[in-house]
Amino acid sequence: MSMFKAAAIQMRSGTDPQRNAIDLEALVRDAASQGATYIQTPEMTGAIVRDREARNALFTTQDRDPIAAASARLAAELGVFLHIGSTAILRADGKLANRALLFAPDGALVTAYDKIHMFDVDLDNGESWRESAAYEPGREGVVADLPFARLGFAICYDLRFPQLFRAEALAGADVLTVPAAFTRQTGEAHWHVLLRARAIENGAFVIAAAQGGLHEDGRETYGHSLIVDPWGRVLAEAAHDKPAVIVAEIDTALSAAARKKIPNLKNAREFGIAQAGLPEAALKGAAS
């Protein structure tokens, strides 16, 4: 089986995980009613909280997390694969993980993925982010076999590191996932082009559920959840920053066809870098 209907849920998560779980349930039910059998939510589905003390007091272990519990229940009730793009999970060592969770149609946890690349940046509009101050980065990529696809995992800032997606594609992933909470500035600049590039260069579908709008903690995210095919064509988009559900038919045979037509995964070669400099005489001439 290579065909399925995928949904990406766009949210505007607040600071209360219990309230976000209620919003999540309504959107997941909407997606399932449209025939989606794979449903993805954005990064930080559980809560978006800027204040460190509030964040540390709020989040809990995976077995007690309200988003994880609600998702397992919904996946089993609706008979869907439910991919929580990420939520903050308290690890055994007391650190937080920015963790994706995939639940099967029986409610069992299929796999988890901890975000590898931390968003530590200073933007020219004055925004400054240090994700590494709050979360412990993951150390390995993840692919998961579903009945209709091999899924590759990533979260938000991972999008800017093509080597992760290439490794997952080489491991057989024909659907790459990028749940996110892109800032408005970076989203307007790079969201569409990077998602389409990851699809094209890997011959894979890309599904990217996003956070959107002005959040309770004051941050603003871009929205524009996307589903892209292996040729970089946009199959579905929430062309705004409001909560929404988008769906698209996915046929993973199209990934195999794209990779056959342009076999860049097979044609890649190892190489080194040679560093060249101007001859000393030319440097003296330029200085004079």
C-alpha atoms as a PDB file:
ATOM      1  CA  MET A   1       0.000   0.000   0.000  1.00  0.00           C
ATOM      2  CA  SER A   2       1.541   3.288  -1.103  1.00  0.00           C
ATOM      3  CA  MET A   3      -1.401   5.696  -0.942  1.00  0.00           C
ATOM      4  CA  PHE A   4      -2.773   7.503   2.082  1.00  0.00           C
ATOM      5  CA  LYS A   5      -4.326  10.790   3.078  1.00  0.00           C
ATOM      6  CA  ALA A   6      -2.137  13.005   5.267  1.00  0.00           C
ATOM      7  CA  ALA A   7      -3.192  15.954   7.397  1.00  0.00           C
ATOM      8  CA  ALA A   8      -1.130  18.771   8.890  1.00  0.00           C
ATOM      9  CA  ILE A   9      -2.682  20.622  11.801  1.00  0.00           C
ATOM     10  CA  GLN A  10      -1.887  24.290  12.323  1.00  0.00           C
ATOM     11  CA  MET A  11      -2.169  25.490  15.925  1.00  0.00           C
ATOM     12  CA  ARG A  12      -1.646  28.534  18.099  1.00  0.00           C
ATOM     13  CA  SER A  13      -0.627  26.792  21.313  1.00  0.00           C
ATOM     14  CA  GLY A  14      -0.902  28.795  24.516  1.00  0.00           C
ATOM     15  CA  THR A  15       0.708  28.334  27.905  1.00  0.00           C
ATOM     16  CA  ASP A  16      -1.746  25.753  29.316  1.00  0.00           C
ATOM     17  CA  PRO A  17      -1.205  22.134  28.141  1.00  0.00           C
ATOM     18  CA  GLN A  18      -4.689  21.069  29.276  1.00  0.00           C
ATOM     19  CA  ARG A  19      -6.351  23.761  27.159  1.00  0.00           C
ATOM     20  CA  ASN A  20      -4.049  22.982  24.242  1.00  0.00           C
ATOM     21  CA  ALA A  21      -5.045  19.314  24.515  1.00  0.00           C
ATOM     22  CA  ILE A  22      -8.688  20.334  24.080  1.00  0.00           C
ATOM     23  CA  ASP A  23      -7.832  22.381  20.974  1.00  0.00           C
ATOM     24  CA  LEU A  24      -5.712  19.508  19.685  1.00  0.00           C
ATOM     25  CA  GLU A  25      -8.578  17.041  20.018  1.00  0.00           C
ATOM     26  CA  ALA A  26     -10.978  19.189  17.997  1.00  0.00           C
ATOM     27  CA  LEU A  27      -8.454  19.620  15.185  1.00  0.00           C
ATOM     28  CA  VAL A  28      -7.487  15.937  15.124  1.00  0.00           C
ATOM     29  CA  ARG A  29     -11.143  14.939  14.918  1.00  0.00           C
ATOM     30  CA  ASP A  30     -11.583  17.377  12.035  1.00  0.00           C
ATOM     31  CA  ALA A  31      -8.618  15.826  10.193  1.00  0.00           C
ATOM     32  CA  ALA A  32      -9.879  12.284  10.760  1.00  0.00           C
ATOM     33  CA  SER A  33     -13.353  13.251   9.528  1.00  0.00           C
ATOM     34  CA  GLN A  34     -11.708  14.298   6.246  1.00  0.00           C
ATOM     35  CA  GLY A  35     -10.243  10.824   5.840  1.00  0.00           C
ATOM     36  CA  ALA A  36      -6.704  11.414   7.064  1.00  0.00           C
ATOM     37  CA  THR A  37      -4.975   8.290   8.373  1.00  0.00           C
ATOM     38  CA  TYR A  38      -1.728  10.113   9.214  1.00  0.00           C
ATOM     39  CA  ILE A  39      -2.123  13.347  11.197  1.00  0.00           C
ATOM     40  CA  GLN A  40       0.748  15.635  12.186  1.00  0.00           C
ATOM     41  CA  THR A  41       0.713  18.483  14.715  1.00  0.00           C
ATOM     42  CA  PRO A  42       3.278  21.310  15.057  1.00  0.00           C
ATOM     43  CA  GLU A  43       6.316  21.762  17.235  1.00  0.00           C
ATOM     44  CA  MET A  44       5.489  22.546  20.870  1.00  0.00           C
ATOM     45  CA  THR A  45       1.915  21.308  20.588  1.00  0.00           C
ATOM     46  CA  GLY A  46       1.729  21.014  24.386  1.00  0.00           C
ATOM     47  CA  ALA A  47       2.575  24.617  25.246  1.00  0.00           C
ATOM     48  CA  ILE A  48       4.638  27.577  24.098  1.00  0.00           C
ATOM     49  CA  VAL A  49       6.153  29.207  27.174  1.00  0.00           C
ATOM     50  CA  ARG A  50       9.028  31.681  27.039  1.00  0.00           C
ATOM     51  CA  ASP A  51       9.623  32.078  30.799  1.00  0.00           C
ATOM     52  CA  ARG A  52      12.116  29.484  31.984  1.00  0.00           C
ATOM     53  CA  GLU A  53      10.782  29.083  35.534  1.00  0.00           C
ATOM     54  CA  ALA A  54       7.209  28.726  34.327  1.00  0.00           C
ATOM     55  CA  ARG A  55       8.334  26.209  31.720  1.00  0.00           C
ATOM     56  CA  ASN A  56      10.235  24.087  34.213  1.00  0.00           C
ATOM     57  CA  ALA A  57       7.275  24.051  36.585  1.00  0.00           C
ATOM     58  CA  LEU A  58       4.819  23.174  33.832  1.00  0.00           C
ATOM     59  CA  PHE A  59       6.267  20.234  31.939  1.00  0.00           C
ATOM     60  CA  THR A  60       6.383  16.655  33.176  1.00  0.00           C
ATOM     61  CA  THR A  61       7.510  13.159  32.245  1.00  0.00           C
ATOM     62  CA  GLN A  62       6.178  11.422  29.161  1.00  0.00           C
ATOM     63  CA  ASP A  63       4.023   8.989  31.141  1.00  0.00           C
ATOM     64  CA  ARG A  64       2.260  11.905  32.873  1.00  0.00           C
ATOM     65  CA  ASP A  65       2.113  14.325  29.958  1.00  0.00           C
ATOM     66  CA  PRO A  66      -1.482  15.364  29.054  1.00  0.00           C
ATOM     67  CA  ILE A  67      -0.699  15.741  25.346  1.00  0.00           C
ATOM     68  CA  ALA A  68       0.792  12.240  25.161  1.00  0.00           C
ATOM     69  CA  ALA A  69      -2.190  10.766  27.004  1.00  0.00           C
ATOM     70  CA  ALA A  70      -4.757  12.564  24.855  1.00  0.00           C
ATOM     71  CA  SER A  71      -2.910  11.591  21.680  1.00  0.00           C
ATOM     72  CA  ALA A  72      -2.724   7.880  22.538  1.00  0.00           C
ATOM     73  CA  ARG A  73      -6.456   7.911  23.291  1.00  0.00           C
ATOM     74  CA  LEU A  74      -7.345   9.765  20.079  1.00  0.00           C
ATOM     75  CA  ALA A  75      -5.160   7.582  17.868  1.00  0.00           C
ATOM     76  CA  ALA A  76      -6.863   4.467  19.222  1.00  0.00           C
ATOM     77  CA  GLU A  77     -10.386   5.889  19.035  1.00  0.00           C
ATOM     78  CA  LEU A  78     -10.019   7.273  15.508  1.00  0.00           C
ATOM     79  CA  GLY A  79      -7.762   4.515  14.147  1.00  0.00           C
ATOM     80  CA  VAL A  80      -5.077   6.891  12.871  1.00  0.00           C
ATOM     81  CA  PHE A  81      -1.341   7.419  13.089  1.00  0.00           C
ATOM     82  CA  LEU A  82      -1.033  10.572  15.192  1.00  0.00           C
ATOM     83  CA  HIS A  83       2.316  12.351  15.065  1.00  0.00           C
ATOM     84  CA  ILE A  84       2.739  14.956  17.780  1.00  0.00           C
ATOM     85  CA  GLY A  85       5.251  17.252  16.081  1.00  0.00           C
ATOM     86  CA  SER A  86       6.802  17.899  19.450  1.00  0.00           C
ATOM     87  CA  THR A  87       6.095  18.715  23.046  1.00  0.00           C
ATOM     88  CA  ALA A  88       8.390  19.400  26.001  1.00  0.00           C
ATOM     89  CA  ILE A  89       9.125  16.245  27.973  1.00  0.00           C
ATOM     90  CA  LEU A  90      10.976  16.007  31.285  1.00  0.00           C
ATOM     91  CA  ARG A  91      13.756  13.439  30.950  1.00  0.00           C
ATOM     92  CA  ALA A  92      14.961  11.079  33.662  1.00  0.00           C
ATOM     93  CA  ASP A  93      18.044  13.259  34.179  1.00  0.00           C
ATOM     94  CA  GLY A  94      15.900  16.315  34.953  1.00  0.00           C
ATOM     95  CA  LYS A  95      16.532  18.009  31.598  1.00  0.00           C
ATOM     96  CA  LEU A  96      13.855  18.838  29.026  1.00  0.00           C
ATOM     97  CA  ALA A  97      13.637  17.291  25.557  1.00  0.00           C
ATOM     98  CA  ASN A  98      11.877  18.860  22.574  1.00  0.00           C
ATOM     99  CA  ARG A  99      10.328  15.521  21.617  1.00  0.00           C
ATOM    100  CA  ALA A 100       8.196  14.222  18.758  1.00  0.00           C
ATOM    101  CA  LEU A 101       5.877  11.289  19.487  1.00  0.00           C
ATOM    102  CA  LEU A 102       4.236   8.950  16.968  1.00  0.00           C
ATOM    103  CA  PHE A 103       1.199   6.935  18.077  1.00  0.00           C
ATOM    104  CA  ALA A 104      -0.243   3.960  16.170  1.00  0.00           C
ATOM    105  CA  PRO A 105      -3.934   3.280  15.470  1.00  0.00           C
ATOM    106  CA  ASP A 106      -4.063   1.067  18.563  1.00  0.00           C
ATOM    107  CA  GLY A 107      -2.772   3.908  20.746  1.00  0.00           C
ATOM    108  CA  ALA A 108       0.697   2.413  21.223  1.00  0.00           C
ATOM    109  CA  LEU A 109       3.775   4.611  20.954  1.00  0.00           C
ATOM    110  CA  VAL A 110       5.636   3.719  17.744  1.00  0.00           C
ATOM    111  CA  THR A 111       8.707   5.892  18.284  1.00  0.00           C
ATOM    112  CA  ALA A 112       9.995   9.199  19.608  1.00  0.00           C
ATOM    113  CA  TYR A 113      12.495  11.708  18.235  1.00  0.00           C
ATOM    114  CA  ASP A 114      14.331  14.419  20.180  1.00  0.00           C
ATOM    115  CA  LYS A 115      15.168  17.575  18.199  1.00  0.00           C
ATOM    116  CA  ILE A 116      18.856  17.575  17.321  1.00  0.00           C
ATOM    117  CA  HIS A 117      19.613  21.154  16.275  1.00  0.00           C
ATOM    118  CA  MET A 118      18.964  23.877  18.844  1.00  0.00           C
ATOM    119  CA  PHE A 119      17.668  27.282  17.720  1.00  0.00           C
ATOM    120  CA  ASP A 120      20.396  29.540  19.142  1.00  0.00           C
ATOM    121  CA  VAL A 121      20.204  32.721  17.058  1.00  0.00           C
ATOM    122  CA  ASP A 122      20.152  36.515  17.193  1.00  0.00           C
ATOM    123  CA  LEU A 123      17.844  37.995  14.561  1.00  0.00           C
ATOM    124  CA  ASP A 124      18.218  41.474  13.125  1.00  0.00           C
ATOM    125  CA  ASN A 125      14.799  42.543  14.456  1.00  0.00           C
ATOM    126  CA  GLY A 126      16.086  42.187  18.015  1.00  0.00           C
ATOM    127  CA  GLU A 127      14.759  38.677  18.681  1.00  0.00           C
ATOM    128  CA  SER A 128      17.234  36.445  20.470  1.00  0.00           C
ATOM    129  CA  TRP A 129      16.691  32.728  21.111  1.00  0.00           C
ATOM    130  CA  ARG A 130      18.749  30.189  23.061  1.00  0.00           C
ATOM    131  CA  GLU A 131      16.929  26.877  22.802  1.00  0.00           C
ATOM    132  CA  SER A 132      19.974  25.067  24.159  1.00  0.00           C
ATOM    133  CA  ALA A 133      19.491  26.866  27.480  1.00  0.00           C
ATOM    134  CA  ALA A 134      16.152  25.093  27.927  1.00  0.00           C
ATOM    135  CA  TYR A 135      16.425  21.776  26.071  1.00  0.00           C
ATOM    136  CA  GLU A 136      18.900  18.940  25.729  1.00  0.00           C
ATOM    137  CA  PRO A 137      19.500  18.139  22.040  1.00  0.00           C
ATOM    138  CA  GLY A 138      18.866  14.704  20.606  1.00  0.00           C
ATOM    139  CA  ARG A 139      21.710  12.640  19.207  1.00  0.00           C
ATOM    140  CA  GLU A 140      20.189  10.458  16.489  1.00  0.00           C
ATOM    141  CA  GLY A 141      17.843  10.707  13.538  1.00  0.00           C
ATOM    142  CA  VAL A 142      14.800   8.455  13.363  1.00  0.00           C
ATOM    143  CA  VAL A 143      12.905   6.736  10.565  1.00  0.00           C
ATOM    144  CA  ALA A 144       9.731   4.742  11.175  1.00  0.00           C
ATOM    145  CA  ASP A 145       7.967   2.189   9.001  1.00  0.00           C
ATOM    146  CA  LEU A 146       4.250   2.779   8.565  1.00  0.00           C
ATOM    147  CA  PRO A 147       2.056   0.490   6.430  1.00  0.00           C
ATOM    148  CA  PHE A 148       2.082   3.098   3.656  1.00  0.00           C
ATOM    149  CA  ALA A 149       5.382   4.992   4.039  1.00  0.00           C
ATOM    150  CA  ARG A 150       8.767   5.183   5.703  1.00  0.00           C
ATOM    151  CA  LEU A 151       8.711   8.358   7.776  1.00  0.00           C
ATOM    152  CA  GLY A 152      11.737  10.532   8.518  1.00  0.00           C
ATOM    153  CA  PHE A 153      11.662  12.822  11.569  1.00  0.00           C
ATOM    154  CA  ALA A 154      12.846  16.389  12.064  1.00  0.00           C
ATOM    155  CA  ILE A 155      11.669  19.414  14.067  1.00  0.00           C
ATOM    156  CA  CYS A 156      11.727  23.088  13.020  1.00  0.00           C
ATOM    157  CA  TYR A 157      15.361  24.350  13.043  1.00  0.00           C
ATOM    158  CA  ASP A 158      16.466  20.893  11.836  1.00  0.00           C
ATOM    159  CA  LEU A 159      15.135  22.087   8.462  1.00  0.00           C
ATOM    160  CA  ARG A 160      18.321  24.127   7.958  1.00  0.00           C
ATOM    161  CA  PHE A 161      20.536  21.036   8.175  1.00  0.00           C
ATOM    162  CA  PRO A 162      20.087  19.097   4.921  1.00  0.00           C
ATOM    163  CA  GLN A 163      22.440  16.334   6.014  1.00  0.00           C
ATOM    164  CA  LEU A 164      19.777  15.043   8.432  1.00  0.00           C
ATOM    165  CA  PHE A 165      17.205  14.719   5.651  1.00  0.00           C
ATOM    166  CA  ARG A 166      19.732  13.171   3.274  1.00  0.00           C
ATOM    167  CA  ALA A 167      20.630  10.538   5.883  1.00  0.00           C
ATOM    168  CA  GLU A 168      16.957   9.703   6.410  1.00  0.00           C
ATOM    169  CA  ALA A 169      16.320   9.540   2.652  1.00  0.00           C
ATOM    170  CA  LEU A 170      19.302   7.207   2.262  1.00  0.00           C
ATOM    171  CA  ALA A 171      17.747   5.095   5.027  1.00  0.00           C
ATOM    172  CA  GLY A 172      14.653   4.768   2.826  1.00  0.00           C
ATOM    173  CA  ALA A 173      12.404   7.563   4.092  1.00  0.00           C
ATOM    174  CA  ASP A 174       9.991   8.624   1.341  1.00  0.00           C
ATOM    175  CA  VAL A 175       8.056  11.039   3.568  1.00  0.00           C
ATOM    176  CA  LEU A 176      10.024  13.646   5.539  1.00  0.00           C
ATOM    177  CA  THR A 177       8.376  15.544   8.388  1.00  0.00           C
ATOM    178  CA  VAL A 178       9.139  19.036   9.668  1.00  0.00           C
ATOM    179  CA  PRO A 179       6.666  20.134  12.371  1.00  0.00           C
ATOM    180  CA  ALA A 180       7.676  23.650  13.328  1.00  0.00           C
ATOM    181  CA  ALA A 181       7.198  26.912  15.189  1.00  0.00           C
ATOM    182  CA  PHE A 182       9.090  29.188  12.787  1.00  0.00           C
ATOM    183  CA  THR A 183       9.315  32.833  13.789  1.00  0.00           C
ATOM    184  CA  ARG A 184       7.464  35.220  11.496  1.00  0.00           C
ATOM    185  CA  GLN A 185      10.694  36.814  10.265  1.00  0.00           C
ATOM    186  CA  THR A 186      12.461  33.572   9.383  1.00  0.00           C
ATOM    187  CA  GLY A 187       9.268  32.035   8.027  1.00  0.00           C
ATOM    188  CA  GLU A 188       8.637  34.882   5.623  1.00  0.00           C
ATOM    189  CA  ALA A 189      12.232  34.626   4.422  1.00  0.00           C
ATOM    190  CA  HIS A 190      12.872  30.889   4.148  1.00  0.00           C
ATOM    191  CA  TRP A 191       9.962  28.575   5.105  1.00  0.00           C
ATOM    192  CA  HIS A 192       8.627  27.753   1.635  1.00  0.00           C
ATOM    193  CA  VAL A 193      11.930  27.578  -0.191  1.00  0.00           C
ATOM    194  CA  LEU A 194      13.631  25.331   2.370  1.00  0.00           C
ATOM    195  CA  LEU A 195      10.731  22.869   2.571  1.00  0.00           C
ATOM    196  CA  ARG A 196      10.531  22.630  -1.213  1.00  0.00           C
ATOM    197  CA  ALA A 197      14.304  22.212  -1.425  1.00  0.00           C
ATOM    198  CA  ARG A 198      14.313  19.330   1.072  1.00  0.00           C
ATOM    199  CA  ALA A 199      11.581  17.639  -0.982  1.00  0.00           C
ATOM    200  CA  ILE A 200      13.348  18.124  -4.322  1.00  0.00           C
ATOM    201  CA  GLU A 201      16.864  17.175  -3.270  1.00  0.00           C
ATOM    202  CA  ASN A 202      15.658  13.971  -1.571  1.00  0.00           C
ATOM    203  CA  GLY A 203      12.844  12.980  -3.952  1.00  0.00           C
ATOM    204  CA  ALA A 204      10.496  12.799  -0.977  1.00  0.00           C
ATOM    205  CA  PHE A 205       7.198  14.169   0.229  1.00  0.00           C
ATOM    206  CA  VAL A 206       7.522  16.764   2.993  1.00  0.00           C
ATOM    207  CA  ILE A 207       4.794  17.360   5.575  1.00  0.00           C
ATOM    208  CA  ALA A 208       5.206  20.405   7.811  1.00  0.00           C
ATOM    209  CA  ALA A 209       2.582  21.341  10.414  1.00  0.00           C
ATOM    210  CA  ALA A 210       3.226  24.779  11.893  1.00  0.00           C
ATOM    211  CA  GLN A 211       2.394  27.033  14.781  1.00  0.00           C
ATOM    212  CA  GLY A 212       0.922  30.369  13.681  1.00  0.00           C
ATOM    213  CA  GLY A 213       0.012  33.786  15.040  1.00  0.00           C
ATOM    214  CA  LEU A 214       0.611  35.775  18.214  1.00  0.00           C
ATOM    215  CA  HIS A 215       0.965  33.457  21.213  1.00  0.00           C
ATOM    216  CA  GLU A 216       0.145  34.057  24.871  1.00  0.00           C
ATOM    217  CA  ASP A 217       3.829  34.272  25.789  1.00  0.00           C
ATOM    218  CA  GLY A 218       4.352  37.115  23.300  1.00  0.00           C
ATOM    219  CA  ARG A 219       6.138  35.324  20.483  1.00  0.00           C
ATOM    220  CA  GLU A 220       4.801  35.345  16.928  1.00  0.00           C
ATOM    221  CA  THR A 221       5.012  32.377  14.576  1.00  0.00           C
ATOM    222  CA  TYR A 222       4.578  32.186  10.825  1.00  0.00           C
ATOM    223  CA  GLY A 223       1.967  29.486  10.180  1.00  0.00           C
ATOM    224  CA  HIS A 224       1.654  28.424   6.521  1.00  0.00           C
ATOM    225  CA  SER A 225       1.618  24.663   7.139  1.00  0.00           C
ATOM    226  CA  LEU A 226       2.617  22.848   3.944  1.00  0.00           C
ATOM    227  CA  ILE A 227       2.472  19.473   2.232  1.00  0.00           C
ATOM    228  CA  VAL A 228       4.950  19.230  -0.664  1.00  0.00           C
ATOM    229  CA  ASP A 229       5.462  16.488  -3.258  1.00  0.00           C
ATOM    230  CA  PRO A 230       8.844  15.059  -4.409  1.00  0.00           C
ATOM    231  CA  TRP A 231       9.036  17.568  -7.295  1.00  0.00           C
ATOM    232  CA  GLY A 232       8.644  20.502  -4.922  1.00  0.00           C
ATOM    233  CA  ARG A 233       5.002  21.165  -5.803  1.00  0.00           C
ATOM    234  CA  VAL A 234       2.800  22.419  -2.976  1.00  0.00           C
ATOM    235  CA  LEU A 235      -0.106  20.003  -2.566  1.00  0.00           C
ATOM    236  CA  ALA A 236      -1.761  21.846   0.326  1.00  0.00           C
ATOM    237  CA  GLU A 237      -1.099  25.005   2.321  1.00  0.00           C
ATOM    238  CA  ALA A 238      -2.700  26.895   5.171  1.00  0.00           C
ATOM    239  CA  ALA A 239      -1.931  30.269   3.594  1.00  0.00           C
ATOM    240  CA  HIS A 240      -2.305  32.198   6.870  1.00  0.00           C
ATOM    241  CA  ASP A 241      -1.385  31.931  10.572  1.00  0.00           C
ATOM    242  CA  LYS A 242      -4.725  30.816  12.051  1.00  0.00           C
ATOM    243  CA  PRO A 243      -5.551  27.325  13.410  1.00  0.00           C
ATOM    244  CA  ALA A 244      -6.475  25.051  10.513  1.00  0.00           C
ATOM    245  CA  VAL A 245      -6.339  21.564   9.029  1.00  0.00           C
ATOM    246  CA  ILE A 246      -4.882  20.850   5.589  1.00  0.00           C
ATOM    247  CA  VAL A 247      -5.041  17.469   3.841  1.00  0.00           C
ATOM    248  CA  ALA A 248      -3.511  15.908   0.748  1.00  0.00           C
ATOM    249  CA  GLU A 249      -3.420  12.532  -0.961  1.00  0.00           C
ATOM    250  CA  ILE A 250       0.061  10.998  -0.781  1.00  0.00           C
ATOM    251  CA  ASP A 251       1.281   8.274  -3.137  1.00  0.00           C
ATOM    252  CA  THR A 252       4.760   7.202  -2.103  1.00  0.00           C
ATOM    253  CA  ALA A 253       5.225   5.517  -5.492  1.00  0.00           C
ATOM    254  CA  LEU A 254       5.799   9.060  -6.760  1.00  0.00           C
ATOM    255  CA  SER A 255       8.854   9.282  -4.514  1.00  0.00           C
ATOM    256  CA  ALA A 256      10.303   6.140  -6.063  1.00  0.00           C
ATOM    257  CA  ALA A 257       9.538   7.514  -9.535  1.00  0.00           C
ATOM    258  CA  ALA A 258      11.227  10.847  -8.770  1.00  0.00           C
ATOM    259  CA  ARG A 259      14.335   9.093  -7.446  1.00  0.00           C
ATOM    260  CA  LYS A 260      14.484   6.936 -10.574  1.00  0.00           C
ATOM    261  CA  LYS A 261      14.288   9.956 -12.879  1.00  0.00           C
ATOM    262  CA  ILE A 262      16.859  11.962 -10.920  1.00  0.00           C
ATOM    263  CA  PRO A 263      18.974   9.418  -8.994  1.00  0.00           C
ATOM    264  CA  ASN A 264      21.012  11.928  -7.004  1.00  0.00           C
ATOM    265  CA  LEU A 265      20.836   9.779  -3.872  1.00  0.00           C
ATOM    266  CA  LYS A 266      22.687   7.035  -5.779  1.00  0.00           C
ATOM    267  CA  ASN A 267      24.986   9.399  -7.657  1.00  0.00           C
ATOM    268  CA  ALA A 268      26.448  11.155  -4.618  1.00  0.00           C
ATOM    269  CA  ARG A 269      30.219  10.826  -4.237  1.00  0.00           C
ATOM    270  CA  GLU A 270      32.634  11.335  -1.381  1.00  0.00           C
ATOM    271  CA  PHE A 271      34.968  14.288  -1.829  1.00  0.00           C
ATOM    272  CA  GLY A 272      37.437  16.470  -0.005  1.00  0.00           C
ATOM    273  CA  ILE A 273      38.004  20.230  -0.032  1.00  0.00           C
ATOM    274  CA  ALA A 274      41.160  21.765  -1.492  1.00  0.00           C
ATOM    275  CA  GLN A 275      41.993  25.260  -0.262  1.00  0.00           C
ATOM    276  CA  ALA A 276      43.582  27.504  -2.889  1.00  0.00           C
ATOM    277  CA  GLY A 277      45.297  30.849  -2.390  1.00  0.00           C
ATOM    278  CA  LEU A 278      46.846  33.436  -4.658  1.00  0.00           C
ATOM    279  CA  PRO A 279      50.580  33.084  -5.416  1.00  0.00           C
ATOM    280  CA  GLU A 280      52.825  35.342  -3.315  1.00  0.00           C
ATOM    281  CA  ALA A 281      53.725  37.478  -6.329  1.00  0.00           C
ATOM    282  CA  ALA A 282      50.077  38.146  -7.092  1.00  0.00           C
ATOM    283  CA  LEU A 283      49.442  39.106  -3.458  1.00  0.00           C
ATOM    284  CA  LYS A 284      52.321  41.626  -3.568  1.00  0.00           C
ATOM    285  CA  GLY A 285      50.938  43.073  -6.806  1.00  0.00           C
ATOM    286  CA  ALA A 286      47.482  43.489  -5.337  1.00  0.00           C
ATOM    287  CA  ALA A 287      48.931  45.216  -2.253  1.00  0.00           C
ATOM    288  CA  SER A 288      50.805  47.750  -4.383  1.00  0.00           C
END
